[in-house]
PDB file of N, CA and C in Angstrom:
ATOM      1  N   UNK A   1     115.131  99.594 117.400  1.00  0.00           N
ATOM      2  CA  UNK A   1     115.045  98.689 116.295  1.00  0.00           C
ATOM      3  C   UNK A   1     113.886  99.098 115.407  1.00  0.00           C
ATOM      4  N   UNK A   2     114.126  99.080 114.097  1.00  0.00           N
ATOM      5  CA  UNK A   2     113.072  99.358 113.140  1.00  0.00           C
ATOM      6  C   UNK A   2     112.731  98.018 112.488  1.00  0.00           C
ATOM      7  N   UNK A   3     111.627  97.440 112.949  1.00  0.00           N
ATOM      8  CA  UNK A   3     111.252  96.070 112.571  1.00  0.00           C
ATOM      9  C   UNK A   3     109.748  95.913 112.691  1.00  0.00           C
ATOM     10  N   UNK A   4     109.115  95.366 111.667  1.00  0.00           N
ATOM     11  CA  UNK A   4     107.661  95.200 111.719  1.00  0.00           C
ATOM     12  C   UNK A   4     107.238  93.815 112.197  1.00  0.00           C
ATOM     13  N   UNK A   5     108.175  92.916 112.431  1.00  0.00           N
ATOM     14  CA  UNK A   5     107.853  91.582 112.930  1.00  0.00           C
ATOM     15  C   UNK A   5     108.102  91.514 114.443  1.00  0.00           C
ATOM     16  N   UNK A   6     107.058  91.279 115.196  1.00  0.00           N
ATOM     17  CA  UNK A   6     107.180  91.188 116.649  1.00  0.00           C
ATOM     18  C   UNK A   6     108.116  90.048 117.036  1.00  0.00           C
ATOM     19  N   UNK A   7     108.016  88.924 116.344  1.00  0.00           N
ATOM     20  CA  UNK A   7     108.865  87.770 116.646  1.00  0.00           C
ATOM     21  C   UNK A   7     110.338  88.088 116.399  1.00  0.00           C
ATOM     22  N   UNK A   8     110.651  88.720 115.270  1.00  0.00           N
ATOM     23  CA  UNK A   8     112.044  89.075 114.993  1.00  0.00           C
ATOM     24  C   UNK A   8     112.577  90.083 116.006  1.00  0.00           C
ATOM     25  N   UNK A   9     111.751  91.040 116.397  1.00  0.00           N
ATOM     26  CA  UNK A   9     112.162  92.019 117.407  1.00  0.00           C
ATOM     27  C   UNK A   9     112.433  91.329 118.742  1.00  0.00           C
ATOM     28  N   UNK A  10     111.562  90.398 119.113  1.00  0.00           N
ATOM     29  CA  UNK A  10     111.750  89.655 120.359  1.00  0.00           C
ATOM     30  C   UNK A  10     113.056  88.852 120.319  1.00  0.00           C
ATOM     31  N   UNK A  11     113.313  88.202 119.183  1.00  0.00           N
ATOM     32  CA  UNK A  11     114.538  87.393 119.057  1.00  0.00           C
ATOM     33  C   UNK A  11     115.788  88.270 119.175  1.00  0.00           C
ATOM     34  N   UNK A  12     115.790  89.430 118.526  1.00  0.00           N
ATOM     35  CA  UNK A  12     116.949  90.313 118.621  1.00  0.00           C
ATOM     36  C   UNK A  12     117.121  90.829 120.042  1.00  0.00           C
ATOM     37  N   UNK A  13     116.023  91.189 120.685  1.00  0.00           N
ATOM     38  CA  UNK A  13     116.091  91.642 122.074  1.00  0.00           C
ATOM     39  C   UNK A  13     116.712  90.554 122.942  1.00  0.00           C
ATOM     40  N   UNK A  14     116.297  89.328 122.751  1.00  0.00           N
ATOM     41  CA  UNK A  14     116.839  88.194 123.508  1.00  0.00           C
ATOM     42  C   UNK A  14     118.343  88.041 123.244  1.00  0.00           C
ATOM     43  N   UNK A  15     118.757  88.157 121.991  1.00  0.00           N
ATOM     44  CA  UNK A  15     120.179  88.053 121.663  1.00  0.00           C
ATOM     45  C   UNK A  15     120.977  89.207 122.264  1.00  0.00           C
ATOM     46  N   UNK A  16     120.418  90.404 122.253  1.00  0.00           N
ATOM     47  CA  UNK A  16     121.117  91.552 122.826  1.00  0.00           C
ATOM     48  C   UNK A  16     121.305  91.404 124.331  1.00  0.00           C
ATOM     49  N   UNK A  17     120.281  90.880 125.001  1.00  0.00           N
ATOM     50  CA  UNK A  17     120.391  90.691 126.453  1.00  0.00           C
ATOM     51  C   UNK A  17     121.542  89.773 126.808  1.00  0.00           C
ATOM     52  N   UNK A  18     121.851  88.824 125.954  1.00  0.00           N
ATOM     53  CA  UNK A  18     122.937  87.888 126.234  1.00  0.00           C
ATOM     54  C   UNK A  18     124.254  88.256 125.592  1.00  0.00           C
ATOM     55  N   UNK A  19     124.308  89.409 124.900  1.00  0.00           N
ATOM     56  CA  UNK A  19     125.497  89.699 124.109  1.00  0.00           C
ATOM     57  C   UNK A  19     126.657  90.278 124.901  1.00  0.00           C
ATOM     58  N   UNK A  20     126.405  91.087 125.911  1.00  0.00           N
ATOM     59  CA  UNK A  20     127.526  91.709 126.610  1.00  0.00           C
ATOM     60  C   UNK A  20     127.126  92.191 127.991  1.00  0.00           C
ATOM     61  N   UNK A  21     127.836  91.727 129.001  1.00  0.00           N
ATOM     62  CA  UNK A  21     127.553  92.233 130.340  1.00  0.00           C
ATOM     63  C   UNK A  21     128.085  93.652 130.548  1.00  0.00           C
ATOM     64  N   UNK A  22     128.923  94.134 129.611  1.00  0.00           N
ATOM     65  CA  UNK A  22     129.515  95.466 129.755  1.00  0.00           C
ATOM     66  C   UNK A  22     128.583  96.590 129.334  1.00  0.00           C
ATOM     67  N   UNK A  23     127.530  96.257 128.605  1.00  0.00           N
ATOM     68  CA  UNK A  23     126.629  97.280 128.093  1.00  0.00           C
ATOM     69  C   UNK A  23     125.210  97.015 128.548  1.00  0.00           C
ATOM     70  N   UNK A  24     124.504  98.090 128.814  1.00  0.00           N
ATOM     71  CA  UNK A  24     123.073  97.996 129.095  1.00  0.00           C
ATOM     72  C   UNK A  24     122.330  98.385 127.824  1.00  0.00           C
ATOM     73  N   UNK A  25     121.411  97.550 127.410  1.00  0.00           N
ATOM     74  CA  UNK A  25     120.635  97.829 126.217  1.00  0.00           C
ATOM     75  C   UNK A  25     119.215  98.201 126.593  1.00  0.00           C
ATOM     76  N   UNK A  26     118.762  99.296 126.042  1.00  0.00           N
ATOM     77  CA  UNK A  26     117.375  99.707 126.197  1.00  0.00           C
ATOM     78  C   UNK A  26     116.760  99.632 124.811  1.00  0.00           C
ATOM     79  N   UNK A  27     115.803  98.802 124.684  1.00  0.00           N
ATOM     80  CA  UNK A  27     115.262  98.398 123.398  1.00  0.00           C
ATOM     81  C   UNK A  27     113.974  99.136 123.098  1.00  0.00           C
ATOM     82  N   UNK A  28     113.905  99.788 121.951  1.00  0.00           N
ATOM     83  CA  UNK A  28     112.705 100.460 121.488  1.00  0.00           C
ATOM     84  C   UNK A  28     112.390  99.942 120.102  1.00  0.00           C
ATOM     85  N   UNK A  29     111.132  99.664 119.846  1.00  0.00           N
ATOM     86  CA  UNK A  29     110.747  99.114 118.550  1.00  0.00           C
ATOM     87  C   UNK A  29     109.880 100.114 117.793  1.00  0.00           C
ATOM     88  N   UNK A  30     110.259 100.355 116.555  1.00  0.00           N
ATOM     89  CA  UNK A  30     109.445 101.112 115.608  1.00  0.00           C
ATOM     90  C   UNK A  30     109.098 100.146 114.487  1.00  0.00           C
ATOM     91  N   UNK A  31     107.862 100.199 114.022  1.00  0.00           N
ATOM     92  CA  UNK A  31     107.449  99.263 112.973  1.00  0.00           C
ATOM     93  C   UNK A  31     107.503  99.866 111.573  1.00  0.00           C
ATOM     94  N   UNK A  32     107.743 101.165 111.496  1.00  0.00           N
ATOM     95  CA  UNK A  32     107.865 101.848 110.207  1.00  0.00           C
ATOM     96  C   UNK A  32     108.994 102.872 110.287  1.00  0.00           C
ATOM     97  N   UNK A  33     109.452 103.308 109.136  1.00  0.00           N
ATOM     98  CA  UNK A  33     110.464 104.368 109.106  1.00  0.00           C
ATOM     99  C   UNK A  33     109.884 105.655 109.702  1.00  0.00           C
ATOM    100  N   UNK A  34     108.646 105.947 109.372  1.00  0.00           N
ATOM    101  CA  UNK A  34     108.005 107.157 109.907  1.00  0.00           C
ATOM    102  C   UNK A  34     108.001 107.147 111.430  1.00  0.00           C
ATOM    103  N   UNK A  35     107.640 106.018 112.023  1.00  0.00           N
ATOM    104  CA  UNK A  35     107.647 105.893 113.483  1.00  0.00           C
ATOM    105  C   UNK A  35     109.070 106.041 114.025  1.00  0.00           C
ATOM    106  N   UNK A  36     110.036 105.480 113.333  1.00  0.00           N
ATOM    107  CA  UNK A  36     111.437 105.602 113.764  1.00  0.00           C
ATOM    108  C   UNK A  36     111.864 107.070 113.782  1.00  0.00           C
ATOM    109  N   UNK A  37     111.480 107.828 112.752  1.00  0.00           N
ATOM    110  CA  UNK A  37     111.814 109.254 112.720  1.00  0.00           C
ATOM    111  C   UNK A  37     111.230 109.974 113.931  1.00  0.00           C
ATOM    112  N   UNK A  38     109.986 109.671 114.253  1.00  0.00           N
ATOM    113  CA  UNK A  38     109.338 110.321 115.396  1.00  0.00           C
ATOM    114  C   UNK A  38     110.057 109.981 116.698  1.00  0.00           C
ATOM    115  N   UNK A  39     110.445 108.722 116.860  1.00  0.00           N
ATOM    116  CA  UNK A  39     111.165 108.323 118.076  1.00  0.00           C
ATOM    117  C   UNK A  39     112.545 108.973 118.133  1.00  0.00           C
ATOM    118  N   UNK A  40     113.226 109.039 117.000  1.00  0.00           N
ATOM    119  CA  UNK A  40     114.541 109.676 116.956  1.00  0.00           C
ATOM    120  C   UNK A  40     114.452 111.154 117.329  1.00  0.00           C
ATOM    121  N   UNK A  41     113.378 111.800 116.924  1.00  0.00           N
ATOM    122  CA  UNK A  41     113.198 113.217 117.244  1.00  0.00           C
ATOM    123  C   UNK A  41     112.949 113.445 118.734  1.00  0.00           C
ATOM    124  N   UNK A  42     112.469 112.419 119.437  1.00  0.00           N
ATOM    125  CA  UNK A  42     112.146 112.554 120.867  1.00  0.00           C
ATOM    126  C   UNK A  42     113.223 112.023 121.803  1.00  0.00           C
ATOM    127  N   UNK A  43     114.195 111.272 121.302  1.00  0.00           N
ATOM    128  CA  UNK A  43     115.152 110.659 122.215  1.00  0.00           C
ATOM    129  C   UNK A  43     116.522 110.485 121.602  1.00  0.00           C
ATOM    130  N   UNK A  44     117.451 110.016 122.418  1.00  0.00           N
ATOM    131  CA  UNK A  44     118.820 109.764 121.983  1.00  0.00           C
ATOM    132  C   UNK A  44     119.025 108.259 121.844  1.00  0.00           C
ATOM    133  N   UNK A  45     119.630 107.864 120.748  1.00  0.00           N
ATOM    134  CA  UNK A  45     119.885 106.457 120.488  1.00  0.00           C
ATOM    135  C   UNK A  45     121.339 106.282 120.074  1.00  0.00           C
ATOM    136  N   UNK A  46     121.913 105.161 120.462  1.00  0.00           N
ATOM    137  CA  UNK A  46     123.311 104.880 120.152  1.00  0.00           C
ATOM    138  C   UNK A  46     123.481 104.078 118.876  1.00  0.00           C
ATOM    139  N   UNK A  47     122.487 103.285 118.528  1.00  0.00           N
ATOM    140  CA  UNK A  47     122.570 102.434 117.338  1.00  0.00           C
ATOM    141  C   UNK A  47     121.149 102.085 116.900  1.00  0.00           C
ATOM    142  N   UNK A  48     120.998 101.840 115.603  1.00  0.00           N
ATOM    143  CA  UNK A  48     119.706 101.407 115.068  1.00  0.00           C
ATOM    144  C   UNK A  48     119.879 100.059 114.378  1.00  0.00           C
ATOM    145  N   UNK A  49     119.076  99.105 114.763  1.00  0.00           N
ATOM    146  CA  UNK A  49     118.969  97.843 114.029  1.00  0.00           C
ATOM    147  C   UNK A  49     117.817  98.030 113.053  1.00  0.00           C
ATOM    148  N   UNK A  50     118.071  97.776 111.784  1.00  0.00           N
ATOM    149  CA  UNK A  50     117.116  98.133 110.741  1.00  0.00           C
ATOM    150  C   UNK A  50     116.803  96.961 109.825  1.00  0.00           C
ATOM    151  N   UNK A  51     115.527  96.623 109.733  1.00  0.00           N
ATOM    152  CA  UNK A  51     115.050  95.663 108.749  1.00  0.00           C
ATOM    153  C   UNK A  51     114.924  96.399 107.417  1.00  0.00           C
ATOM    154  N   UNK A  52     115.138  95.703 106.308  1.00  0.00           N
ATOM    155  CA  UNK A  52     115.059  96.345 105.001  1.00  0.00           C
ATOM    156  C   UNK A  52     113.728  96.115 104.296  1.00  0.00           C
ATOM    157  N   UNK A  53     112.795  95.484 104.976  1.00  0.00           N
ATOM    158  CA  UNK A  53     111.488  95.214 104.380  1.00  0.00           C
ATOM    159  C   UNK A  53     110.409  95.673 105.355  1.00  0.00           C
ATOM    160  N   UNK A  54     110.050  96.949 105.251  1.00  0.00           N
ATOM    161  CA  UNK A  54     109.091  97.560 106.170  1.00  0.00           C
ATOM    162  C   UNK A  54     107.819  97.932 105.424  1.00  0.00           C
ATOM    163  N   UNK A  55     106.722  98.142 106.140  1.00  0.00           N
ATOM    164  CA  UNK A  55     105.459  98.478 105.475  1.00  0.00           C
ATOM    165  C   UNK A  55     105.507  99.769 104.647  1.00  0.00           C
ATOM    166  N   UNK A  56     106.311 100.751 105.079  1.00  0.00           N
ATOM    167  CA  UNK A  56     106.326 102.030 104.379  1.00  0.00           C
ATOM    168  C   UNK A  56     107.561 102.278 103.521  1.00  0.00           C
ATOM    169  N   UNK A  57     108.499 101.316 103.517  1.00  0.00           N
ATOM    170  CA  UNK A  57     109.715 101.505 102.734  1.00  0.00           C
ATOM    171  C   UNK A  57     110.467 100.183 102.683  1.00  0.00           C
ATOM    172  N   UNK A  58     111.277 100.000 101.644  1.00  0.00           N
ATOM    173  CA  UNK A  58     112.055  98.773 101.579  1.00  0.00           C
ATOM    174  C   UNK A  58     113.394  99.013 100.887  1.00  0.00           C
ATOM    175  N   UNK A  59     114.283  98.039 101.066  1.00  0.00           N
ATOM    176  CA  UNK A  59     115.581  98.072 100.410  1.00  0.00           C
ATOM    177  C   UNK A  59     116.511  99.135 100.950  1.00  0.00           C
ATOM    178  N   UNK A  60     117.420  99.553 100.069  1.00  0.00           N
ATOM    179  CA  UNK A  60     118.427 100.531 100.455  1.00  0.00           C
ATOM    180  C   UNK A  60     117.802 101.887 100.788  1.00  0.00           C
ATOM    181  N   UNK A  61     116.576 102.109 100.314  1.00  0.00           N
ATOM    182  CA  UNK A  61     115.879 103.360 100.645  1.00  0.00           C
ATOM    183  C   UNK A  61     115.719 103.507 102.154  1.00  0.00           C
ATOM    184  N   UNK A  62     115.566 102.386 102.861  1.00  0.00           N
ATOM    185  CA  UNK A  62     115.455 102.432 104.333  1.00  0.00           C
ATOM    186  C   UNK A  62     116.719 103.016 104.949  1.00  0.00           C
ATOM    187  N   UNK A  63     117.863 102.537 104.485  1.00  0.00           N
ATOM    188  CA  UNK A  63     119.142 103.028 105.017  1.00  0.00           C
ATOM    189  C   UNK A  63     119.319 104.496 104.660  1.00  0.00           C
ATOM    190  N   UNK A  64     119.082 104.827 103.399  1.00  0.00           N
ATOM    191  CA  UNK A  64     119.253 106.217 102.960  1.00  0.00           C
ATOM    192  C   UNK A  64     118.365 107.171 103.746  1.00  0.00           C
ATOM    193  N   UNK A  65     117.125 106.786 103.975  1.00  0.00           N
ATOM    194  CA  UNK A  65     116.204 107.644 104.723  1.00  0.00           C
ATOM    195  C   UNK A  65     116.672 107.829 106.165  1.00  0.00           C
ATOM    196  N   UNK A  66     117.075 106.739 106.800  1.00  0.00           N
ATOM    197  CA  UNK A  66     117.519 106.825 108.199  1.00  0.00           C
ATOM    198  C   UNK A  66     118.811 107.631 108.298  1.00  0.00           C
ATOM    199  N   UNK A  67     119.737 107.440 107.351  1.00  0.00           N
ATOM    200  CA  UNK A  67     120.987 108.205 107.354  1.00  0.00           C
ATOM    201  C   UNK A  67     120.720 109.699 107.146  1.00  0.00           C
ATOM    202  N   UNK A  68     119.746 110.019 106.303  1.00  0.00           N
ATOM    203  CA  UNK A  68     119.404 111.416 106.070  1.00  0.00           C
ATOM    204  C   UNK A  68     118.808 112.045 107.326  1.00  0.00           C
ATOM    205  N   UNK A  69     117.948 111.307 107.997  1.00  0.00           N
ATOM    206  CA  UNK A  69     117.280 111.826 109.190  1.00  0.00           C
ATOM    207  C   UNK A  69     118.210 111.892 110.403  1.00  0.00           C
ATOM    208  N   UNK A  70     119.089 110.908 110.532  1.00  0.00           N
ATOM    209  CA  UNK A  70     120.010 110.846 111.681  1.00  0.00           C
ATOM    210  C   UNK A  70     121.398 110.447 111.168  1.00  0.00           C
ATOM    211  N   UNK A  71     122.130 111.399 110.588  1.00  0.00           N
ATOM    212  CA  UNK A  71     123.387 111.071 109.910  1.00  0.00           C
ATOM    213  C   UNK A  71     124.464 110.443 110.799  1.00  0.00           C
ATOM    214  N   UNK A  72     124.448 110.708 112.090  1.00  0.00           N
ATOM    215  CA  UNK A  72     125.484 110.186 112.979  1.00  0.00           C
ATOM    216  C   UNK A  72     125.097 108.877 113.665  1.00  0.00           C
ATOM    217  N   UNK A  73     123.892 108.406 113.432  1.00  0.00           N
ATOM    218  CA  UNK A  73     123.415 107.189 114.081  1.00  0.00           C
ATOM    219  C   UNK A  73     123.937 105.957 113.332  1.00  0.00           C
ATOM    220  N   UNK A  74     124.725 105.114 113.999  1.00  0.00           N
ATOM    221  CA  UNK A  74     125.176 103.887 113.339  1.00  0.00           C
ATOM    222  C   UNK A  74     123.993 102.951 113.070  1.00  0.00           C
ATOM    223  N   UNK A  75     123.973 102.387 111.871  1.00  0.00           N
ATOM    224  CA  UNK A  75     122.907 101.482 111.466  1.00  0.00           C
ATOM    225  C   UNK A  75     123.472 100.081 111.283  1.00  0.00           C
ATOM    226  N   UNK A  76     122.799  99.118 111.903  1.00  0.00           N
ATOM    227  CA  UNK A  76     123.110  97.712 111.685  1.00  0.00           C
ATOM    228  C   UNK A  76     121.889  97.103 111.018  1.00  0.00           C
ATOM    229  N   UNK A  77     122.062  96.636 109.803  1.00  0.00           N
ATOM    230  CA  UNK A  77     120.950  95.998 109.102  1.00  0.00           C
ATOM    231  C   UNK A  77     120.730  94.630 109.727  1.00  0.00           C
ATOM    232  N   UNK A  78     119.475  94.312 109.994  1.00  0.00           N
ATOM    233  CA  UNK A  78     119.074  93.025 110.561  1.00  0.00           C
ATOM    234  C   UNK A  78     118.029  92.461 109.608  1.00  0.00           C
ATOM    235  N   UNK A  79     118.480  91.590 108.706  1.00  0.00           N
ATOM    236  CA  UNK A  79     117.652  91.175 107.577  1.00  0.00           C
ATOM    237  C   UNK A  79     117.553  89.661 107.465  1.00  0.00           C
ATOM    238  N   UNK A  80     116.447  89.217 106.913  1.00  0.00           N
ATOM    239  CA  UNK A  80     116.269  87.785 106.636  1.00  0.00           C
ATOM    240  C   UNK A  80     116.995  87.380 105.365  1.00  0.00           C
ATOM    241  N   UNK A  81     117.457  88.337 104.595  1.00  0.00           N
ATOM    242  CA  UNK A  81     118.106  88.064 103.319  1.00  0.00           C
ATOM    243  C   UNK A  81     119.594  87.801 103.516  1.00  0.00           C
ATOM    244  N   UNK A  82     120.006  86.595 103.205  1.00  0.00           N
ATOM    245  CA  UNK A  82     121.411  86.198 103.295  1.00  0.00           C
ATOM    246  C   UNK A  82     122.002  86.277 101.890  1.00  0.00           C
ATOM    247  N   UNK A  83     122.403  87.494 101.510  1.00  0.00           N
ATOM    248  CA  UNK A  83     122.867  87.747 100.162  1.00  0.00           C
ATOM    249  C   UNK A  83     124.047  88.704 100.238  1.00  0.00           C
ATOM    250  N   UNK A  84     125.199  88.265  99.760  1.00  0.00           N
ATOM    251  CA  UNK A  84     126.417  89.068  99.848  1.00  0.00           C
ATOM    252  C   UNK A  84     126.284  90.395  99.121  1.00  0.00           C
ATOM    253  N   UNK A  85     125.666  90.396  97.952  1.00  0.00           N
ATOM    254  CA  UNK A  85     125.524  91.631  97.188  1.00  0.00           C
ATOM    255  C   UNK A  85     124.673  92.656  97.949  1.00  0.00           C
ATOM    256  N   UNK A  86     123.588  92.193  98.553  1.00  0.00           N
ATOM    257  CA  UNK A  86     122.730  93.107  99.317  1.00  0.00           C
ATOM    258  C   UNK A  86     123.470  93.623 100.550  1.00  0.00           C
ATOM    259  N   UNK A  87     124.226  92.750 101.208  1.00  0.00           N
ATOM    260  CA  UNK A  87     125.016  93.187 102.363  1.00  0.00           C
ATOM    261  C   UNK A  87     126.040  94.236 101.947  1.00  0.00           C
ATOM    262  N   UNK A  88     126.712  94.022 100.827  1.00  0.00           N
ATOM    263  CA  UNK A  88     127.689  95.003 100.343  1.00  0.00           C
ATOM    264  C   UNK A  88     127.011  96.326  99.993  1.00  0.00           C
ATOM    265  N   UNK A  89     125.853  96.248  99.337  1.00  0.00           N
ATOM    266  CA  UNK A  89     125.112  97.467  99.000  1.00  0.00           C
ATOM    267  C   UNK A  89     124.721  98.222 100.268  1.00  0.00           C
ATOM    268  N   UNK A  90     124.298  97.485 101.295  1.00  0.00           N
ATOM    269  CA  UNK A  90     123.917  98.117 102.561  1.00  0.00           C
ATOM    270  C   UNK A  90     125.108  98.849 103.178  1.00  0.00           C
ATOM    271  N   UNK A  91     126.267  98.223 103.153  1.00  0.00           N
ATOM    272  CA  UNK A  91     127.465  98.866 103.702  1.00  0.00           C
ATOM    273  C   UNK A  91     127.866 100.078 102.871  1.00  0.00           C
ATOM    274  N   UNK A  92     127.719  99.993 101.552  1.00  0.00           N
ATOM    275  CA  UNK A  92     128.022 101.148 100.694  1.00  0.00           C
ATOM    276  C   UNK A  92     127.073 102.312 100.967  1.00  0.00           C
ATOM    277  N   UNK A  93     125.846 101.992 101.357  1.00  0.00           N
ATOM    278  CA  UNK A  93     124.854 103.042 101.681  1.00  0.00           C
ATOM    279  C   UNK A  93     125.102 103.660 103.046  1.00  0.00           C
ATOM    280  N   UNK A  94     125.988 103.065 103.829  1.00  0.00           N
ATOM    281  CA  UNK A  94     126.317 103.664 105.120  1.00  0.00           C
ATOM    282  C   UNK A  94     126.026 102.813 106.336  1.00  0.00           C
ATOM    283  N   UNK A  95     125.473 101.611 106.137  1.00  0.00           N
ATOM    284  CA  UNK A  95     125.277 100.720 107.290  1.00  0.00           C
ATOM    285  C   UNK A  95     126.639 100.333 107.852  1.00  0.00           C
ATOM    286  N   UNK A  96     126.705 100.150 109.151  1.00  0.00           N
ATOM    287  CA  UNK A  96     127.959  99.780 109.813  1.00  0.00           C
ATOM    288  C   UNK A  96     128.091  98.268 110.004  1.00  0.00           C
ATOM    289  N   UNK A  97     126.998  97.544 109.765  1.00  0.00           N
ATOM    290  CA  UNK A  97     127.023  96.095 109.899  1.00  0.00           C
ATOM    291  C   UNK A  97     125.812  95.488 109.222  1.00  0.00           C
ATOM    292  N   UNK A  98     125.883  94.183 108.976  1.00  0.00           N
ATOM    293  CA  UNK A  98     124.787  93.466 108.333  1.00  0.00           C
ATOM    294  C   UNK A  98     124.668  92.111 109.018  1.00  0.00           C
ATOM    295  N   UNK A  99     123.568  91.891 109.684  1.00  0.00           N
ATOM    296  CA  UNK A  99     123.322  90.635 110.383  1.00  0.00           C
ATOM    297  C   UNK A  99     122.127  89.932 109.752  1.00  0.00           C
ATOM    298  N   UNK A 100     122.239  88.603 109.655  1.00  0.00           N
ATOM    299  CA  UNK A 100     121.163  87.810 109.066  1.00  0.00           C
ATOM    300  C   UNK A 100     120.316  87.217 110.187  1.00  0.00           C
ATOM    301  N   UNK A 101     119.009  87.451 110.092  1.00  0.00           N
ATOM    302  CA  UNK A 101     118.079  86.903 111.081  1.00  0.00           C
ATOM    303  C   UNK A 101     118.185  85.389 111.099  1.00  0.00           C
ATOM    304  N   UNK A 102     118.194  84.838 112.311  1.00  0.00           N
ATOM    305  CA  UNK A 102     118.252  83.395 112.457  1.00  0.00           C
ATOM    306  C   UNK A 102     119.645  82.818 112.384  1.00  0.00           C
ATOM    307  N   UNK A 103     120.604  83.618 111.963  1.00  0.00           N
ATOM    308  CA  UNK A 103     121.991  83.152 111.876  1.00  0.00           C
ATOM    309  C   UNK A 103     122.935  83.913 112.802  1.00  0.00           C
ATOM    310  N   UNK A 104     122.444  84.978 113.387  1.00  0.00           N
ATOM    311  CA  UNK A 104     123.285  85.803 114.252  1.00  0.00           C
ATOM    312  C   UNK A 104     123.219  85.301 115.685  1.00  0.00           C
ATOM    313  N   UNK A 105     124.368  85.237 116.312  1.00  0.00           N
ATOM    314  CA  UNK A 105     124.454  84.826 117.712  1.00  0.00           C
ATOM    315  C   UNK A 105     124.716  86.052 118.583  1.00  0.00           C
ATOM    316  N   UNK A 106     124.608  85.870 119.872  1.00  0.00           N
ATOM    317  CA  UNK A 106     124.933  86.950 120.807  1.00  0.00           C
ATOM    318  C   UNK A 106     126.364  87.426 120.598  1.00  0.00           C
ATOM    319  N   UNK A 107     127.272  86.486 120.341  1.00  0.00           N
ATOM    320  CA  UNK A 107     128.679  86.833 120.136  1.00  0.00           C
ATOM    321  C   UNK A 107     128.870  87.650 118.859  1.00  0.00           C
ATOM    322  N   UNK A 108     128.146  87.296 117.806  1.00  0.00           N
ATOM    323  CA  UNK A 108     128.235  88.049 116.558  1.00  0.00           C
ATOM    324  C   UNK A 108     127.761  89.476 116.770  1.00  0.00           C
ATOM    325  N   UNK A 109     126.637  89.620 117.432  1.00  0.00           N
ATOM    326  CA  UNK A 109     126.089  90.948 117.690  1.00  0.00           C
ATOM    327  C   UNK A 109     127.039  91.759 118.556  1.00  0.00           C
ATOM    328  N   UNK A 110     127.611  91.133 119.586  1.00  0.00           N
ATOM    329  CA  UNK A 110     128.574  91.817 120.447  1.00  0.00           C
ATOM    330  C   UNK A 110     129.764  92.296 119.626  1.00  0.00           C
ATOM    331  N   UNK A 111     130.275  91.474 118.732  1.00  0.00           N
ATOM    332  CA  UNK A 111     131.420  91.862 117.897  1.00  0.00           C
ATOM    333  C   UNK A 111     131.099  93.061 117.021  1.00  0.00           C
ATOM    334  N   UNK A 112     129.922  93.057 116.416  1.00  0.00           N
ATOM    335  CA  UNK A 112     129.534  94.167 115.548  1.00  0.00           C
ATOM    336  C   UNK A 112     129.411  95.451 116.361  1.00  0.00           C
ATOM    337  N   UNK A 113     128.742  95.390 117.508  1.00  0.00           N
ATOM    338  CA  UNK A 113     128.567  96.578 118.344  1.00  0.00           C
ATOM    339  C   UNK A 113     129.914  97.095 118.837  1.00  0.00           C
ATOM    340  N   UNK A 114     130.778  96.206 119.288  1.00  0.00           N
ATOM    341  CA  UNK A 114     132.087  96.645 119.783  1.00  0.00           C
ATOM    342  C   UNK A 114     132.935  97.240 118.665  1.00  0.00           C
ATOM    343  N   UNK A 115     132.818  96.723 117.458  1.00  0.00           N
ATOM    344  CA  UNK A 115     133.534  97.311 116.322  1.00  0.00           C
ATOM    345  C   UNK A 115     133.059  98.731 116.057  1.00  0.00           C
ATOM    346  N   UNK A 116     131.761  98.936 116.134  1.00  0.00           N
ATOM    347  CA  UNK A 116     131.208 100.275 115.928  1.00  0.00           C
ATOM    348  C   UNK A 116     131.700 101.222 117.014  1.00  0.00           C
ATOM    349  N   UNK A 117     131.713 100.768 118.254  1.00  0.00           N
ATOM    350  CA  UNK A 117     132.177 101.598 119.375  1.00  0.00           C
ATOM    351  C   UNK A 117     133.659 101.935 119.208  1.00  0.00           C
ATOM    352  N   UNK A 118     134.472 100.932 118.849  1.00  0.00           N
ATOM    353  CA  UNK A 118     135.907 101.178 118.658  1.00  0.00           C
ATOM    354  C   UNK A 118     136.142 102.151 117.507  1.00  0.00           C
ATOM    355  N   UNK A 119     135.424 101.973 116.395  1.00  0.00           N
ATOM    356  CA  UNK A 119     135.588 102.866 115.257  1.00  0.00           C
ATOM    357  C   UNK A 119     135.185 104.294 115.633  1.00  0.00           C
ATOM    358  N   UNK A 120     134.087 104.435 116.354  1.00  0.00           N
ATOM    359  CA  UNK A 120     133.628 105.765 116.771  1.00  0.00           C
ATOM    360  C   UNK A 120     134.683 106.431 117.654  1.00  0.00           C
ATOM    361  N   UNK A 121     135.262 105.674 118.575  1.00  0.00           N
ATOM    362  CA  UNK A 121     136.293 106.223 119.463  1.00  0.00           C
ATOM    363  C   UNK A 121     137.541 106.620 118.658  1.00  0.00           C
ATOM    364  N   UNK A 122     137.926 105.772 117.703  1.00  0.00           N
ATOM    365  CA  UNK A 122     139.077 106.072 116.850  1.00  0.00           C
ATOM    366  C   UNK A 122     138.806 107.320 116.021  1.00  0.00           C
ATOM    367  N   UNK A 123     137.631 107.371 115.419  1.00  0.00           N
ATOM    368  CA  UNK A 123     137.251 108.505 114.568  1.00  0.00           C
ATOM    369  C   UNK A 123     137.226 109.799 115.386  1.00  0.00           C
ATOM    370  N   UNK A 124     136.725 109.713 116.620  1.00  0.00           N
ATOM    371  CA  UNK A 124     136.677 110.880 117.493  1.00  0.00           C
ATOM    372  C   UNK A 124     138.066 111.370 117.846  1.00  0.00           C
ATOM    373  N   UNK A 125     139.016 110.461 118.040  1.00  0.00           N
ATOM    374  CA  UNK A 125     140.381 110.817 118.420  1.00  0.00           C
ATOM    375  C   UNK A 125     141.199 111.334 117.241  1.00  0.00           C
ATOM    376  N   UNK A 126     140.801 110.984 116.028  1.00  0.00           N
ATOM    377  CA  UNK A 126     141.583 111.425 114.868  1.00  0.00           C
ATOM    378  C   UNK A 126     141.039 112.698 114.234  1.00  0.00           C
ATOM    379  N   UNK A 127     139.873 113.120 114.651  1.00  0.00           N
ATOM    380  CA  UNK A 127     139.285 114.356 114.079  1.00  0.00           C
ATOM    381  C   UNK A 127     139.356 115.512 115.029  1.00  0.00           C
TER     382      UNK A 127
END
């Protein structure tokens, strides 16, 4: 997760723990895009939860930077902004999902993750 708020990171971790007994989640927190790049260079990740308001970058630039650095990594935006236009812009930039902080449930997160997994499997079988 790329998130500079400890409380928001804790809340997402709590929601992920309750989202699916079929998956094991290992949670890593980066507080800046730069830190996220360093962690990505050292390890393998299946998905990135990304806040759009970070100390070193904000907005769609966060998605673009992460997509450039790790083009195959699915990104789920996890934002306090409940705005349809921003969510659409995030998806156009390459995010695979958009979740609103404080409004997302374990079931919502599970649905988004499973959709990404199903799409990846479909894409792998068709290419």
